[in-house]
C-alpha atoms as a PDB file:
ATOM      1  CA  UNK A   1       1.644  38.039   0.180  1.00  0.00           C
ATOM      2  CA  UNK A   2       3.273  38.664   3.450  1.00  0.00           C
ATOM      3  CA  UNK A   3       5.402  35.978   5.087  1.00  0.00           C
ATOM      4  CA  UNK A   4       3.432  36.472   8.294  1.00  0.00           C
ATOM      5  CA  UNK A   5       0.264  35.076   6.687  1.00  0.00           C
ATOM      6  CA  UNK A   6       1.155  31.574   7.832  1.00  0.00           C
ATOM      7  CA  UNK A   7       2.517  32.567  11.203  1.00  0.00           C
ATOM      8  CA  UNK A   8       1.151  30.450  14.040  1.00  0.00           C
ATOM      9  CA  UNK A   9       1.607  31.545  17.627  1.00  0.00           C
ATOM     10  CA  UNK A  10       0.920  29.603  20.784  1.00  0.00           C
ATOM     11  CA  UNK A  11       0.541  32.240  23.485  1.00  0.00           C
ATOM     12  CA  UNK A  12      -0.776  29.744  26.015  1.00  0.00           C
ATOM     13  CA  UNK A  13       2.605  28.002  26.090  1.00  0.00           C
ATOM     14  CA  UNK A  14       3.967  30.976  28.042  1.00  0.00           C
ATOM     15  CA  UNK A  15       1.657  30.106  30.914  1.00  0.00           C
ATOM     16  CA  UNK A  16       3.137  26.653  31.485  1.00  0.00           C
ATOM     17  CA  UNK A  17       6.189  25.874  33.504  1.00  0.00           C
ATOM     18  CA  UNK A  18       9.176  24.105  32.026  1.00  0.00           C
ATOM     19  CA  UNK A  19       9.154  20.526  33.203  1.00  0.00           C
ATOM     20  CA  UNK A  20      12.120  18.211  33.230  1.00  0.00           C
ATOM     21  CA  UNK A  21      11.839  14.869  31.392  1.00  0.00           C
ATOM     22  CA  UNK A  22      11.773  13.077  34.749  1.00  0.00           C
ATOM     23  CA  UNK A  23       8.703  15.058  35.797  1.00  0.00           C
ATOM     24  CA  UNK A  24       6.899  14.400  32.520  1.00  0.00           C
ATOM     25  CA  UNK A  25       7.524  10.654  32.657  1.00  0.00           C
ATOM     26  CA  UNK A  26       8.073   8.467  29.633  1.00  0.00           C
ATOM     27  CA  UNK A  27       7.354   9.824  26.198  1.00  0.00           C
ATOM     28  CA  UNK A  28       5.175   7.364  24.220  1.00  0.00           C
ATOM     29  CA  UNK A  29       6.308   8.862  20.908  1.00  0.00           C
ATOM     30  CA  UNK A  30       9.942   8.275  21.801  1.00  0.00           C
ATOM     31  CA  UNK A  31       9.125   4.694  22.776  1.00  0.00           C
ATOM     32  CA  UNK A  32       7.264   4.165  19.512  1.00  0.00           C
ATOM     33  CA  UNK A  33      10.074   5.597  17.391  1.00  0.00           C
ATOM     34  CA  UNK A  34      12.634   3.389  19.116  1.00  0.00           C
ATOM     35  CA  UNK A  35      10.486   0.272  19.270  1.00  0.00           C
ATOM     36  CA  UNK A  36      12.800  -1.668  16.956  1.00  0.00           C
ATOM     37  CA  UNK A  37      16.055   0.069  17.851  1.00  0.00           C
ATOM     38  CA  UNK A  38      17.470  -3.167  19.288  1.00  0.00           C
ATOM     39  CA  UNK A  39      17.274  -4.842  15.856  1.00  0.00           C
ATOM     40  CA  UNK A  40      20.371  -4.405  13.749  1.00  0.00           C
ATOM     41  CA  UNK A  41      20.402  -4.267   9.959  1.00  0.00           C
ATOM     42  CA  UNK A  42      22.103  -7.654   9.791  1.00  0.00           C
ATOM     43  CA  UNK A  43      19.213  -9.246  11.680  1.00  0.00           C
ATOM     44  CA  UNK A  44      16.590  -8.121   9.174  1.00  0.00           C
ATOM     45  CA  UNK A  45      17.880  -9.994   6.115  1.00  0.00           C
ATOM     46  CA  UNK A  46      19.747 -13.223   6.613  1.00  0.00           C
ATOM     47  CA  UNK A  47      20.889 -15.020   3.467  1.00  0.00           C
ATOM     48  CA  UNK A  48      21.036 -18.322   5.305  1.00  0.00           C
ATOM     49  CA  UNK A  49      17.295 -18.515   5.898  1.00  0.00           C
ATOM     50  CA  UNK A  50      15.902 -21.494   3.933  1.00  0.00           C
ATOM     51  CA  UNK A  51      12.560 -19.815   3.219  1.00  0.00           C
ATOM     52  CA  UNK A  52      14.194 -16.869   1.494  1.00  0.00           C
ATOM     53  CA  UNK A  53      16.518 -19.112  -0.499  1.00  0.00           C
ATOM     54  CA  UNK A  54      13.556 -21.230  -1.608  1.00  0.00           C
ATOM     55  CA  UNK A  55      11.651 -18.151  -2.777  1.00  0.00           C
ATOM     56  CA  UNK A  56      14.662 -16.852  -4.655  1.00  0.00           C
ATOM     57  CA  UNK A  57      15.044 -20.186  -6.472  1.00  0.00           C
ATOM     58  CA  UNK A  58      11.412 -20.258  -7.611  1.00  0.00           C
ATOM     59  CA  UNK A  59      11.303 -16.611  -8.704  1.00  0.00           C
ATOM     60  CA  UNK A  60      11.745 -16.054 -12.432  1.00  0.00           C
ATOM     61  CA  UNK A  61      15.053 -14.459 -13.248  1.00  0.00           C
ATOM     62  CA  UNK A  62      14.270 -13.351 -16.801  1.00  0.00           C
ATOM     63  CA  UNK A  63      11.268 -11.956 -18.568  1.00  0.00           C
ATOM     64  CA  UNK A  64       9.895 -13.962 -21.485  1.00  0.00           C
ATOM     65  CA  UNK A  65      11.439 -12.901 -24.766  1.00  0.00           C
ATOM     66  CA  UNK A  66       9.318 -12.305 -27.831  1.00  0.00           C
ATOM     67  CA  UNK A  67      10.568 -12.780 -31.359  1.00  0.00           C
ATOM     68  CA  UNK A  68       8.812  -9.704 -32.649  1.00  0.00           C
ATOM     69  CA  UNK A  69       6.547  -6.894 -31.613  1.00  0.00           C
ATOM     70  CA  UNK A  70       3.670  -8.481 -33.494  1.00  0.00           C
ATOM     71  CA  UNK A  71       3.770 -11.533 -31.207  1.00  0.00           C
ATOM     72  CA  UNK A  72       3.574  -9.304 -28.150  1.00  0.00           C
ATOM     73  CA  UNK A  73       0.837  -7.240 -29.808  1.00  0.00           C
ATOM     74  CA  UNK A  74      -1.217 -10.366 -30.564  1.00  0.00           C
ATOM     75  CA  UNK A  75      -0.888 -11.560 -26.971  1.00  0.00           C
ATOM     76  CA  UNK A  76      -1.982  -8.186 -25.597  1.00  0.00           C
ATOM     77  CA  UNK A  77      -4.939  -7.995 -28.017  1.00  0.00           C
ATOM     78  CA  UNK A  78      -6.080 -11.465 -26.954  1.00  0.00           C
ATOM     79  CA  UNK A  79      -5.893 -10.467 -23.288  1.00  0.00           C
ATOM     80  CA  UNK A  80      -7.838  -7.266 -23.997  1.00  0.00           C
ATOM     81  CA  UNK A  81     -10.573  -9.250 -25.765  1.00  0.00           C
ATOM     82  CA  UNK A  82     -10.797 -11.600 -22.792  1.00  0.00           C
ATOM     83  CA  UNK A  83     -11.086  -8.634 -20.418  1.00  0.00           C
ATOM     84  CA  UNK A  84     -13.821  -7.027 -22.529  1.00  0.00           C
ATOM     85  CA  UNK A  85     -15.724 -10.329 -22.612  1.00  0.00           C
ATOM     86  CA  UNK A  86     -15.342 -10.675 -18.857  1.00  0.00           C
ATOM     87  CA  UNK A  87     -16.606  -7.118 -18.347  1.00  0.00           C
ATOM     88  CA  UNK A  88     -19.702  -7.820 -20.450  1.00  0.00           C
ATOM     89  CA  UNK A  89     -20.398 -11.025 -18.516  1.00  0.00           C
ATOM     90  CA  UNK A  90     -20.069  -9.238 -15.180  1.00  0.00           C
ATOM     91  CA  UNK A  91     -22.417  -6.489 -16.360  1.00  0.00           C
ATOM     92  CA  UNK A  92     -24.989  -9.110 -17.406  1.00  0.00           C
ATOM     93  CA  UNK A  93     -24.742 -11.011 -14.102  1.00  0.00           C
ATOM     94  CA  UNK A  94     -25.035  -7.816 -12.069  1.00  0.00           C
ATOM     95  CA  UNK A  95     -28.139  -6.901 -14.059  1.00  0.00           C
ATOM     96  CA  UNK A  96     -29.636 -10.310 -13.269  1.00  0.00           C
ATOM     97  CA  UNK A  97     -28.827  -9.960  -9.571  1.00  0.00           C
ATOM     98  CA  UNK A  98     -30.452  -6.516  -9.409  1.00  0.00           C
ATOM     99  CA  UNK A  99     -33.794  -8.134 -10.293  1.00  0.00           C
ATOM    100  CA  UNK A 100     -33.761  -9.875  -6.910  1.00  0.00           C
ATOM    101  CA  UNK A 101     -32.817  -6.831  -4.841  1.00  0.00           C
ATOM    102  CA  UNK A 102     -36.034  -5.475  -3.232  1.00  0.00           C
ATOM    103  CA  UNK A 103     -34.997  -1.812  -3.466  1.00  0.00           C
ATOM    104  CA  UNK A 104     -34.423  -2.062  -7.212  1.00  0.00           C
ATOM    105  CA  UNK A 105     -37.751  -3.819  -7.903  1.00  0.00           C
ATOM    106  CA  UNK A 106     -39.833  -1.055  -6.289  1.00  0.00           C
ATOM    107  CA  UNK A 107     -38.398   1.702  -8.480  1.00  0.00           C
END
């Protein structure tokens, strides 16, 4: 492949005059990029805020520890069985609801 395969030219740009920034006015992209420029990094996260301190106190600091892999395996198997049961229930309820949908009854 030739490197010129992806070459993009804009010949119409030669027909436009060069304008100064004052003539073009304000650039909305520049304003958008600098929308929060007045905020300093120290203002974003303040350790003295009571809400943040309260959340940090209630957050768990350690994961639960399991005595063995079999205990973890049993817990995961129980959760999987519950999810399978829930999936079967949802499938049944959706089947019951479809009986009352007019488009499904006609087919």
